[in-house]
Protein backbone atom coordinates (compact mmCIF):
# COMPACT_ATOMS: atom_id res chain seq x y z
CA MET A 1 72.57 107.65 -52.24
CA LYS A 2 74.43 107.05 -49.01
CA LEU A 3 78.02 105.86 -48.74
CA GLY A 4 78.44 102.34 -47.51
CA HIS A 5 75.83 101.06 -49.97
CA SER A 6 76.89 99.16 -53.06
CA ASN A 7 78.20 101.25 -55.94
CA PRO A 8 75.71 102.03 -58.73
CA THR A 9 76.09 99.95 -61.85
CA PRO A 10 76.72 101.59 -65.24
CA GLY A 11 73.16 100.77 -66.26
CA ASN A 12 71.41 102.43 -63.37
CA ARG A 13 73.87 105.31 -63.07
CA ARG A 14 73.15 106.73 -66.52
CA ARG A 15 69.88 108.35 -65.54
CA ARG A 16 68.01 108.26 -62.26
CA THR A 17 64.38 107.31 -62.49
CA SER A 18 61.78 109.97 -61.88
CA ALA A 19 60.98 108.37 -58.56
CA ALA A 20 64.61 108.46 -57.43
CA LEU A 21 64.98 112.06 -58.45
CA GLY A 22 61.80 112.93 -56.63
CA LEU A 23 63.10 111.28 -53.49
CA ALA A 24 66.43 113.09 -53.79
CA ALA A 25 64.72 116.43 -54.24
CA SER A 26 62.40 115.73 -51.32
CA ALA A 27 65.39 114.74 -49.20
CA ALA A 28 67.11 117.96 -50.12
CA LEU A 29 64.10 119.99 -49.04
CA LEU A 30 63.85 117.98 -45.85
CA LEU A 31 67.55 118.55 -45.12
CA SER A 32 67.10 122.29 -45.56
CA GLY A 33 63.94 122.33 -43.49
CA CYS A 34 65.55 120.38 -40.66
CA ASN A 35 68.64 122.61 -40.63
CA VAL A 36 71.19 119.84 -41.17
CA GLY A 37 74.44 120.96 -39.57
CA GLU A 38 74.51 124.52 -38.34
CA PRO A 39 71.45 126.64 -39.17
CA VAL A 40 71.72 129.32 -41.80
CA ASP A 41 71.72 132.79 -40.27
CA ARG A 42 69.83 134.73 -42.91
CA ASP A 43 71.04 138.03 -41.41
CA ASP A 44 74.59 137.07 -42.44
CA VAL A 45 73.82 136.14 -46.04
CA GLN A 46 75.33 138.82 -48.25
CA ALA A 47 73.02 141.12 -50.15
CA VAL A 48 72.09 139.69 -53.52
CA ASP A 49 72.16 141.43 -56.86
CA ALA A 50 68.61 141.23 -58.14
CA ASP A 51 69.88 141.22 -61.72
CA ALA A 52 72.36 138.36 -61.24
CA LYS A 53 71.79 134.61 -61.32
CA THR A 54 72.47 133.18 -57.84
CA LEU A 55 74.21 129.81 -57.48
CA ARG A 56 73.87 128.15 -54.07
CA LEU A 57 77.14 126.39 -53.11
CA ALA A 58 77.43 124.03 -50.13
CA HIS A 59 80.40 122.45 -48.36
CA VAL A 60 81.26 120.83 -45.02
CA TYR A 61 84.20 123.04 -43.96
CA ASP A 62 84.15 125.72 -41.29
CA ALA A 63 83.67 129.31 -42.41
CA GLY A 64 87.30 130.03 -41.46
CA HIS A 65 88.72 127.27 -43.67
CA PRO A 66 90.71 128.22 -46.82
CA VAL A 67 88.02 126.65 -49.02
CA GLU A 68 85.64 129.37 -47.84
CA GLU A 69 87.98 132.22 -46.90
CA CYS A 70 90.22 132.00 -49.98
CA GLY A 71 88.49 129.89 -52.60
CA ILE A 72 84.87 130.91 -52.39
CA SER A 73 85.67 134.51 -51.51
CA THR A 74 87.78 134.67 -54.69
CA LEU A 75 84.94 133.12 -56.68
CA LYS A 76 82.60 135.85 -55.46
CA GLU A 77 85.06 138.61 -56.29
CA GLU A 78 85.87 137.26 -59.74
CA LEU A 79 82.19 136.86 -60.63
CA ASP A 80 81.24 140.38 -59.59
CA GLY A 81 79.57 142.03 -62.54
CA SER A 82 79.41 138.81 -64.58
CA GLY A 83 75.72 138.18 -64.09
CA LEU A 84 76.48 135.29 -61.71
CA GLN A 85 76.85 135.34 -57.93
CA ILE A 86 77.59 132.72 -55.29
CA GLU A 87 75.62 132.18 -52.09
CA SER A 88 77.74 129.95 -49.85
CA PHE A 89 76.57 127.53 -47.16
CA PRO A 90 79.59 126.24 -45.18
CA ALA A 91 79.83 123.86 -42.21
CA ALA A 92 77.44 121.21 -43.58
CA GLN A 93 74.45 123.54 -43.33
CA LEU A 94 72.81 121.78 -46.29
CA GLY A 95 74.13 118.27 -45.61
CA ASN A 96 77.32 116.24 -45.73
CA GLU A 97 79.36 115.55 -48.86
CA SER A 98 77.36 112.55 -50.06
CA GLU A 99 74.05 114.33 -49.41
CA SER A 100 75.23 117.46 -51.21
CA LEU A 101 76.30 115.46 -54.25
CA GLU A 102 72.92 113.74 -54.32
CA GLN A 103 71.26 117.15 -54.35
CA VAL A 104 73.57 118.39 -57.12
CA ALA A 105 72.81 115.33 -59.26
CA SER A 106 69.07 115.80 -58.79
CA GLY A 107 69.16 119.55 -59.45
CA ALA A 108 68.04 120.46 -55.92
CA LEU A 109 71.37 122.23 -55.23
CA ASP A 110 73.40 124.31 -57.68
CA MET A 111 76.95 123.53 -56.55
CA ALA A 112 78.79 121.49 -53.92
CA VAL A 113 82.35 120.81 -52.82
CA ALA A 114 83.19 117.12 -52.49
CA GLY A 115 86.30 114.97 -52.43
CA PRO A 116 87.26 112.24 -54.92
CA SER A 117 86.21 109.37 -52.64
CA PHE A 118 82.64 110.70 -52.67
CA LEU A 119 82.69 111.22 -56.44
CA GLY A 120 83.90 107.63 -56.69
CA VAL A 121 80.51 106.41 -55.52
CA TRP A 122 79.12 107.77 -58.80
CA ASP A 123 82.06 106.79 -61.04
CA GLU A 124 84.67 104.55 -59.41
CA ASN A 125 87.66 105.93 -61.35
CA ALA A 126 87.18 109.39 -59.82
CA ALA A 127 88.22 107.96 -56.45
CA VAL A 128 91.78 107.33 -57.65
CA LEU A 129 92.80 110.86 -56.65
CA ASP A 130 92.36 109.87 -53.00
CA GLY A 131 94.63 106.85 -53.25
CA ALA A 132 97.28 106.94 -50.52
CA TYR A 133 100.75 108.15 -51.56
CA LEU A 134 99.65 108.79 -55.14
CA PHE A 135 101.30 112.19 -55.62
CA GLU A 136 104.93 113.21 -55.24
CA ASP A 137 104.05 116.82 -54.41
CA VAL A 138 101.41 119.51 -54.97
CA ASP A 139 102.69 120.31 -58.47
CA HIS A 140 102.15 116.65 -59.41
CA PHE A 141 98.60 116.87 -58.05
CA VAL A 142 97.82 120.03 -60.05
CA GLU A 143 99.30 118.61 -63.27
CA THR A 144 97.19 115.48 -62.83
CA VAL A 145 93.82 117.11 -62.13
CA GLU A 146 94.33 119.52 -65.02
CA GLY A 147 95.62 116.86 -67.43
CA ASP A 148 93.95 114.75 -70.09
CA THR A 149 93.72 111.60 -67.97
CA MET A 150 91.51 113.11 -65.30
CA LYS A 151 89.61 115.15 -67.88
CA GLY A 152 88.53 111.84 -69.36
CA VAL A 153 87.53 110.51 -65.93
CA PHE A 154 85.53 113.65 -65.14
CA ASP A 155 83.85 113.53 -68.55
CA ASP A 156 82.78 109.94 -67.84
CA LEU A 157 81.45 111.04 -64.45
CA TYR A 158 79.37 113.76 -66.11
CA GLU A 159 78.00 111.37 -68.69
CA SER A 160 77.05 108.70 -66.16
CA SER A 161 75.77 110.84 -63.28
CA ASP A 162 75.06 114.40 -64.50
CA ILE A 163 77.67 115.66 -61.99
CA LYS A 164 80.02 118.17 -63.62
CA VAL A 165 83.45 118.82 -62.08
CA LEU A 166 84.15 122.52 -62.56
CA SER A 167 87.48 122.74 -60.75
CA SER A 168 89.86 120.90 -58.41
CA TRP A 169 91.29 122.84 -55.45
CA TYR A 170 94.29 121.77 -53.37
CA TYR A 171 92.86 120.88 -49.97
CA GLY A 172 96.05 119.96 -48.16
CA THR A 173 98.30 117.06 -47.24
CA ARG A 174 96.68 114.72 -44.74
CA GLN A 175 98.49 113.96 -41.47
CA VAL A 176 97.51 111.79 -38.49
CA THR A 177 96.88 113.27 -35.04
CA ALA A 178 96.77 111.05 -31.97
CA ASN A 179 97.68 111.00 -28.29
CA LYS A 180 100.84 109.04 -29.11
CA GLU A 181 103.65 109.15 -31.63
CA ILE A 182 103.04 107.12 -34.78
CA LYS A 183 106.24 106.12 -36.54
CA THR A 184 105.48 102.69 -38.04
CA ALA A 185 102.49 100.51 -38.85
CA GLU A 186 102.80 98.85 -35.44
CA ASP A 187 102.02 102.17 -33.75
CA PHE A 188 98.53 102.14 -35.26
CA ALA A 189 97.63 98.95 -33.36
CA GLY A 190 94.56 99.38 -31.17
CA LEU A 191 93.82 102.96 -32.22
CA LYS A 192 90.33 104.01 -33.31
CA ILE A 193 91.11 106.42 -36.14
CA ARG A 194 88.40 108.65 -37.56
CA THR A 195 88.15 109.06 -41.31
CA PRO A 196 85.46 110.51 -43.60
CA ASN A 197 82.69 108.07 -44.40
CA ALA A 198 83.96 106.78 -47.73
CA PRO A 199 85.34 103.27 -48.37
CA LEU A 200 88.70 104.37 -49.77
CA TYR A 201 89.66 106.18 -46.56
CA LEU A 202 89.19 102.91 -44.71
CA GLU A 203 91.39 101.14 -47.28
CA ASN A 204 94.11 103.78 -47.00
CA ILE A 205 94.32 103.49 -43.22
CA LYS A 206 94.12 99.68 -43.36
CA ALA A 207 97.07 99.64 -45.78
CA MET A 208 99.05 101.71 -43.29
CA GLY A 209 98.27 99.27 -40.47
CA GLY A 210 95.32 100.99 -38.83
CA THR A 211 91.59 100.53 -38.39
CA ALA A 212 89.35 103.41 -39.43
CA THR A 213 86.11 104.62 -37.87
CA PRO A 214 83.96 106.67 -40.28
CA MET A 215 82.50 109.84 -38.77
CA ALA A 216 81.20 113.22 -39.93
CA LEU A 217 83.70 116.05 -39.59
CA ASP A 218 81.51 118.12 -37.28
CA GLU A 219 81.34 115.23 -34.77
CA VAL A 220 85.09 114.64 -34.46
CA TYR A 221 86.12 117.25 -31.86
CA LEU A 222 83.68 115.98 -29.23
CA ALA A 223 84.48 112.36 -30.05
CA LEU A 224 88.20 113.01 -29.53
CA GLN A 225 87.53 114.97 -26.36
CA GLN A 226 85.39 112.17 -24.89
CA GLY A 227 87.68 109.35 -26.03
CA VAL A 228 85.14 107.81 -28.39
CA ILE A 229 87.95 107.81 -30.97
CA ASP A 230 91.70 107.98 -30.39
CA ALA A 231 92.98 109.66 -33.54
CA GLN A 232 92.01 111.33 -36.80
CA GLU A 233 93.64 112.36 -40.08
CA ASN A 234 93.27 115.65 -41.95
CA PRO A 235 95.35 118.40 -43.53
CA ILE A 236 96.86 120.95 -41.15
CA PRO A 237 94.47 123.84 -42.01
CA THR A 238 91.48 121.60 -41.27
CA ILE A 239 93.04 120.36 -38.03
CA ALA A 240 93.57 123.98 -36.98
CA THR A 241 90.16 125.40 -37.97
CA ALA A 242 88.41 122.44 -36.32
CA LYS A 243 90.71 122.87 -33.26
CA PHE A 244 91.64 119.18 -33.12
CA ASN A 245 95.06 120.27 -31.85
CA GLU A 246 93.30 121.17 -28.57
CA VAL A 247 92.31 117.54 -27.94
CA GLN A 248 95.30 115.63 -29.39
CA ASP A 249 98.87 115.38 -28.13
CA TYR A 250 100.74 114.67 -31.38
CA ILE A 251 100.56 115.42 -35.07
CA ASN A 252 102.40 112.71 -36.97
CA LEU A 253 103.61 113.83 -40.40
CA THR A 254 102.54 110.80 -42.40
CA GLY A 255 101.74 112.89 -45.50
CA HIS A 256 99.67 109.98 -46.75
CA MET A 257 97.40 111.95 -49.07
CA ILE A 258 98.17 115.07 -51.10
CA GLN A 259 94.55 115.85 -51.63
CA GLY A 260 92.19 118.07 -53.53
CA VAL A 261 88.47 118.67 -53.47
CA GLN A 262 86.25 119.11 -56.48
CA ILE A 263 83.76 121.91 -57.05
CA THR A 264 80.76 120.35 -58.76
CA THR A 265 77.51 121.34 -60.39
CA GLY A 266 74.72 119.46 -62.12
CA ARG A 267 73.83 119.10 -65.77
CA THR A 268 70.69 121.24 -65.51
CA VAL A 269 72.61 124.13 -63.95
CA TYR A 270 75.64 123.88 -66.21
CA GLU A 271 73.74 123.56 -69.45
CA GLY A 272 71.42 126.35 -68.33
CA LEU A 273 74.30 128.85 -68.35
CA THR A 274 74.98 131.06 -71.32
CA ASP A 275 78.35 130.87 -73.07
CA ASP A 276 79.39 134.13 -71.37
CA GLU A 277 78.32 132.84 -67.97
CA ARG A 278 80.26 129.60 -68.43
CA SER A 279 83.34 131.53 -69.50
CA ALA A 280 83.08 133.80 -66.45
CA LEU A 281 82.59 130.82 -64.14
CA GLU A 282 85.55 128.92 -65.59
CA GLY A 283 87.82 131.96 -65.22
CA ALA A 284 86.66 132.52 -61.65
CA MET A 285 87.25 128.85 -60.81
CA GLU A 286 90.81 129.03 -62.10
CA ALA A 287 91.56 132.09 -59.97
CA ALA A 288 89.89 130.46 -56.94
CA ALA A 289 91.96 127.29 -57.34
CA GLU A 290 95.17 129.32 -57.34
CA ALA A 291 94.06 131.37 -54.32
CA THR A 292 93.09 128.27 -52.36
CA ARG A 293 96.41 126.55 -53.05
CA GLU A 294 98.32 129.64 -51.96
CA CYS A 295 96.33 129.90 -48.73
CA VAL A 296 96.56 126.21 -47.88
CA GLU A 297 100.31 126.00 -48.50
CA GLU A 298 100.92 129.15 -46.45
CA GLN A 299 98.84 127.81 -43.56
CA GLU A 300 100.43 124.38 -43.69
CA GLN A 301 103.81 126.02 -43.17
CA SER A 302 102.90 128.76 -40.69
CA ILE A 303 100.65 126.63 -38.47
CA LEU A 304 103.21 123.83 -38.30
CA GLU A 305 105.92 126.33 -37.32
CA GLU A 306 103.62 127.72 -34.63
CA TRP A 307 102.98 124.24 -33.24
CA LYS A 308 106.68 123.40 -33.26
CA ALA A 309 107.43 126.55 -31.27
CA GLY A 310 104.55 126.13 -28.82
CA ASP A 311 103.82 123.93 -25.85
CA GLY A 312 100.60 122.40 -27.17
CA ILE A 313 100.39 119.64 -29.76
CA GLN A 314 103.79 118.08 -30.49
CA VAL A 315 105.08 117.58 -34.02
CA ASN A 316 106.44 114.11 -34.83
CA GLU A 317 108.51 114.08 -38.03
CA ASP A 318 110.08 110.67 -37.33
CA VAL A 319 107.67 108.72 -39.53
CA ASP A 320 108.64 105.79 -41.78
CA ARG A 321 106.84 107.19 -44.79
CA GLU A 322 108.68 104.92 -47.23
CA ALA A 323 107.30 101.83 -45.54
CA PHE A 324 103.81 103.32 -45.38
CA ALA A 325 104.01 104.29 -49.07
CA ALA A 326 105.17 100.83 -50.15
CA ALA A 327 102.34 99.13 -48.28
CA ALA A 328 99.81 101.64 -49.62
CA GLU A 329 100.95 101.21 -53.22
CA GLU A 330 100.52 97.44 -53.01
CA ALA A 331 96.97 97.89 -51.69
CA MET A 332 96.03 100.63 -54.15
CA LEU A 333 97.08 98.54 -57.15
CA GLN A 334 94.42 96.02 -56.11
CA GLN A 335 91.66 98.61 -56.46
CA PRO A 336 89.44 98.66 -59.59
CA TRP A 337 91.39 101.73 -60.75
CA GLY A 338 94.81 100.23 -59.92
CA ASP A 339 96.13 100.68 -63.46
CA LEU A 340 95.11 104.34 -63.40
CA TYR A 341 96.87 104.78 -60.04
CA GLN A 342 100.06 103.31 -61.53
CA GLU A 343 99.77 105.51 -64.64
CA ILE A 344 99.53 108.65 -62.52
CA LYS A 345 102.43 107.61 -60.25
CA ASP A 346 104.61 106.92 -63.27
CA ARG A 347 104.26 110.54 -64.37
CA GLN A 348 106.04 111.91 -61.32
């Protein structure tokens, strides 16, 4: 399944046909064989415990990103001696977010990290977490993803797609970088703004007055450098690890998404774990979520302070966030999950 196609209907989402699963598995093998993204350096893969069950986990973020350095490293530490171990493939080595989720659903990949907009292709209500200006702060985000409302959404996702959400990690608060200051919706006029390739990102930027250009994360630096796009939006740690601050003049603190990513697995993998293995994995996920939040929040503060004190990218705090939020709320309430968006906002 590729983003940009029509969403699956409840009838055809419940179980993929054998042919579709075969195609997904073949695609996964082809992706691995063609070295999608950066090739895996087998010399760098950590030694495996022959007695432990290895779970292959893929994501699109650089190896220096908090998802890898803090989250996945904590997972590995917490699982040591449990009979489970993680083999991580960062930087889109095994495919982008939509491709990784397809592999997880088919059983060709054990685990993948993906954002709510990509999960929303499989169950539309999961996308609500990426609605612009949904959360008041990070505590509100954590309370929501750990609460009964989203548990119900994730349970529906599992039932309809075989994709199991194991944990939600704070990814950061998204800001807009550009070669100009962006204070109001009018400042977006004429800018080609990169977003991930998921429909909701386009809707978020449209609600704020801009026009989005979908693009894979690993293509953005060169596109900014060559002027193919004018701007992009990401949390500060991602901007820093991807070095977008080298090719943009301003970071505009729009704070339009307080965002998390979900760590997913498939039904075959999850139901193939013993009770002890599931318990160990759930405990490790909880510790990893806490470690990732701590790292992201620390980096958001320290990197921003460094940029403010430096002579590189300039920090623009003069942003009319109230106007952006009002416009975004009006647009988000028109989405299929608009009532759910309002319910979550009301719990601030």
